[in-house]
Protein backbone atom coordinates (compact mmCIF):
# COMPACT_ATOMS: atom_id res chain seq x y z
CA UNK A 1 -139.55 -143.11 -65.51
CA UNK A 2 -136.97 -144.70 -67.80
CA UNK A 3 -133.71 -145.83 -66.29
CA UNK A 4 -130.65 -143.92 -67.33
CA UNK A 5 -127.97 -146.23 -68.67
CA UNK A 6 -124.42 -145.76 -69.78
CA UNK A 7 -124.02 -143.01 -72.35
CA UNK A 8 -127.32 -141.33 -71.48
CA UNK A 9 -127.44 -138.01 -69.67
CA UNK A 10 -130.15 -136.84 -67.33
CA UNK A 11 -130.70 -133.62 -69.25
CA UNK A 12 -132.49 -133.63 -72.63
CA UNK A 13 -130.35 -132.87 -75.66
CA UNK A 14 -130.70 -129.63 -77.61
CA UNK A 15 -132.41 -131.59 -80.39
CA UNK A 16 -134.91 -133.10 -77.94
CA UNK A 17 -135.71 -129.65 -76.59
CA UNK A 18 -136.08 -128.18 -80.08
CA UNK A 19 -138.35 -131.00 -81.34
CA UNK A 20 -140.43 -130.91 -78.15
CA UNK A 21 -140.95 -127.16 -78.57
CA UNK A 22 -141.97 -127.63 -82.21
CA UNK A 23 -144.50 -130.26 -81.14
CA UNK A 24 -145.82 -127.90 -78.45
CA UNK A 25 -146.35 -125.21 -81.10
CA UNK A 26 -148.20 -127.65 -83.38
CA UNK A 27 -150.48 -128.75 -80.52
CA UNK A 28 -151.14 -125.15 -79.43
CA UNK A 29 -151.97 -124.18 -83.01
CA UNK A 30 -154.39 -127.09 -83.30
CA UNK A 31 -156.14 -125.99 -80.13
CA UNK A 32 -156.33 -122.37 -81.32
CA UNK A 33 -157.83 -123.37 -84.68
CA UNK A 34 -160.69 -125.12 -82.84
CA UNK A 35 -161.57 -127.46 -85.71
CA UNK A 36 -161.17 -130.75 -83.85
CA UNK A 37 -164.90 -131.47 -83.46
CA UNK A 38 -164.49 -133.63 -80.35
CA UNK A 39 -167.74 -133.75 -78.40
CA UNK A 40 -167.31 -132.17 -74.96
CA UNK A 41 -163.85 -130.82 -75.73
CA UNK A 42 -163.18 -127.16 -74.89
CA UNK A 43 -159.93 -126.14 -76.64
CA UNK A 44 -160.30 -122.47 -75.68
CA UNK A 45 -159.88 -123.49 -72.03
CA UNK A 46 -156.79 -125.68 -72.52
CA UNK A 47 -153.15 -124.63 -72.54
CA UNK A 48 -150.17 -126.78 -73.57
CA UNK A 49 -147.54 -125.78 -71.02
CA UNK A 50 -144.72 -128.12 -71.96
CA UNK A 51 -143.82 -131.10 -74.12
CA UNK A 52 -141.10 -133.58 -73.29
CA UNK A 53 -139.79 -136.21 -75.66
CA UNK A 54 -137.96 -139.49 -75.07
CA UNK A 55 -134.29 -139.78 -76.12
CA UNK A 56 -135.25 -142.03 -79.07
CA UNK A 57 -138.03 -139.59 -80.12
CA UNK A 58 -140.65 -142.36 -80.07
CA UNK A 59 -142.70 -140.97 -77.16
CA UNK A 60 -143.80 -137.45 -76.31
CA UNK A 61 -145.64 -136.22 -73.24
CA UNK A 62 -147.70 -133.05 -73.53
CA UNK A 63 -148.49 -131.33 -70.24
CA UNK A 64 -151.88 -129.64 -70.20
CA UNK A 65 -153.31 -126.99 -67.89
CA UNK A 66 -156.98 -126.09 -67.80
CA UNK A 67 -157.90 -122.41 -67.79
CA UNK A 68 -160.84 -121.18 -65.77
CA UNK A 69 -163.63 -123.47 -64.66
CA UNK A 70 -162.85 -126.52 -66.78
CA UNK A 71 -162.40 -130.13 -65.69
CA UNK A 72 -158.79 -130.65 -66.78
CA UNK A 73 -158.87 -134.40 -66.16
CA UNK A 74 -161.92 -134.78 -68.39
CA UNK A 75 -160.28 -132.74 -71.15
CA UNK A 76 -157.06 -134.80 -70.89
CA UNK A 77 -159.10 -137.99 -71.16
CA UNK A 78 -160.69 -136.67 -74.37
CA UNK A 79 -157.29 -135.64 -75.75
CA UNK A 80 -155.79 -139.06 -75.06
CA UNK A 81 -158.84 -140.74 -76.62
CA UNK A 82 -158.33 -138.74 -79.84
CA UNK A 83 -154.52 -138.54 -79.84
CA UNK A 84 -154.33 -140.05 -83.32
CA UNK A 85 -155.44 -136.76 -84.89
CA UNK A 86 -152.73 -134.90 -83.00
CA UNK A 87 -150.08 -137.46 -83.97
CA UNK A 88 -151.13 -137.20 -87.62
CA UNK A 89 -150.81 -133.41 -87.57
CA UNK A 90 -147.42 -133.60 -85.83
CA UNK A 91 -146.28 -136.00 -88.57
CA UNK A 92 -147.34 -133.51 -91.24
CA UNK A 93 -145.84 -130.47 -89.51
CA UNK A 94 -142.56 -131.64 -87.96
CA UNK A 95 -139.90 -133.43 -90.02
CA UNK A 96 -139.07 -136.58 -88.09
CA UNK A 97 -138.17 -140.13 -89.07
CA UNK A 98 -140.47 -141.44 -86.36
CA UNK A 99 -143.63 -139.61 -85.34
CA UNK A 100 -143.77 -139.94 -81.56
CA UNK A 101 -146.69 -141.53 -79.77
CA UNK A 102 -148.16 -138.71 -77.72
CA UNK A 103 -149.61 -138.87 -74.22
CA UNK A 104 -151.42 -135.97 -72.58
CA UNK A 105 -150.94 -135.41 -68.83
CA UNK A 106 -151.96 -132.77 -66.34
CA UNK A 107 -149.41 -130.09 -65.48
CA UNK A 108 -149.32 -129.70 -61.73
CA UNK A 109 -146.80 -126.84 -61.80
CA UNK A 110 -149.42 -124.13 -61.36
CA UNK A 111 -151.00 -125.85 -58.36
CA UNK A 112 -147.57 -126.37 -56.79
CA UNK A 113 -146.59 -122.72 -57.23
CA UNK A 114 -149.94 -121.58 -55.83
CA UNK A 115 -149.45 -123.86 -52.81
CA UNK A 116 -145.95 -122.45 -52.20
CA UNK A 117 -147.29 -118.92 -52.54
CA UNK A 118 -150.01 -119.66 -49.98
CA UNK A 119 -147.40 -121.09 -47.62
CA UNK A 120 -145.14 -118.08 -47.94
CA UNK A 121 -148.04 -115.71 -47.32
CA UNK A 122 -149.44 -117.65 -44.37
CA UNK A 123 -149.53 -115.81 -41.02
CA UNK A 124 -147.29 -118.42 -39.38
CA UNK A 125 -144.49 -117.97 -41.93
CA UNK A 126 -144.84 -114.18 -41.84
CA UNK A 127 -144.53 -114.29 -38.05
CA UNK A 128 -141.34 -116.35 -38.34
CA UNK A 129 -139.87 -113.91 -40.86
CA UNK A 130 -140.65 -110.93 -38.64
CA UNK A 131 -138.66 -112.56 -35.80
CA UNK A 132 -135.48 -112.64 -37.90
CA UNK A 133 -133.37 -109.48 -37.63
CA UNK A 134 -133.08 -107.71 -40.97
CA UNK A 135 -129.26 -107.94 -41.04
CA UNK A 136 -129.48 -111.78 -40.99
CA UNK A 137 -131.73 -111.95 -44.06
CA UNK A 138 -129.75 -112.88 -47.15
CA UNK A 139 -130.98 -111.27 -50.34
CA UNK A 140 -130.66 -113.19 -53.57
């Protein structure tokens, strides 16, 4: 994680967000077209959930989630091995002075939300909630 120095904010700028979203669309379109011809790669079972970009626009991280019964780590390894094709297409599709070096990583957001859902629906938590009088429960 890069250190935040003077003059840098923790939140990405509007331009960073806009460029990252454009890159996400380019990557998703490439996966939908299914003309990558990478042996062992299953683009129909891969989803680009988010792209983040560094403040200087030289690095981008694409977060990938596997759909169904697919080895996400194996697919990410293949994507990172062939990232040059993706970078080339980004360079052709998005107007930037510098085409960012792209890294593919696994998106753990779905697993985290599933884990939280399992916790909230566990018998132990439900028993605790039932012990609280209804008038003490704060609705959001």
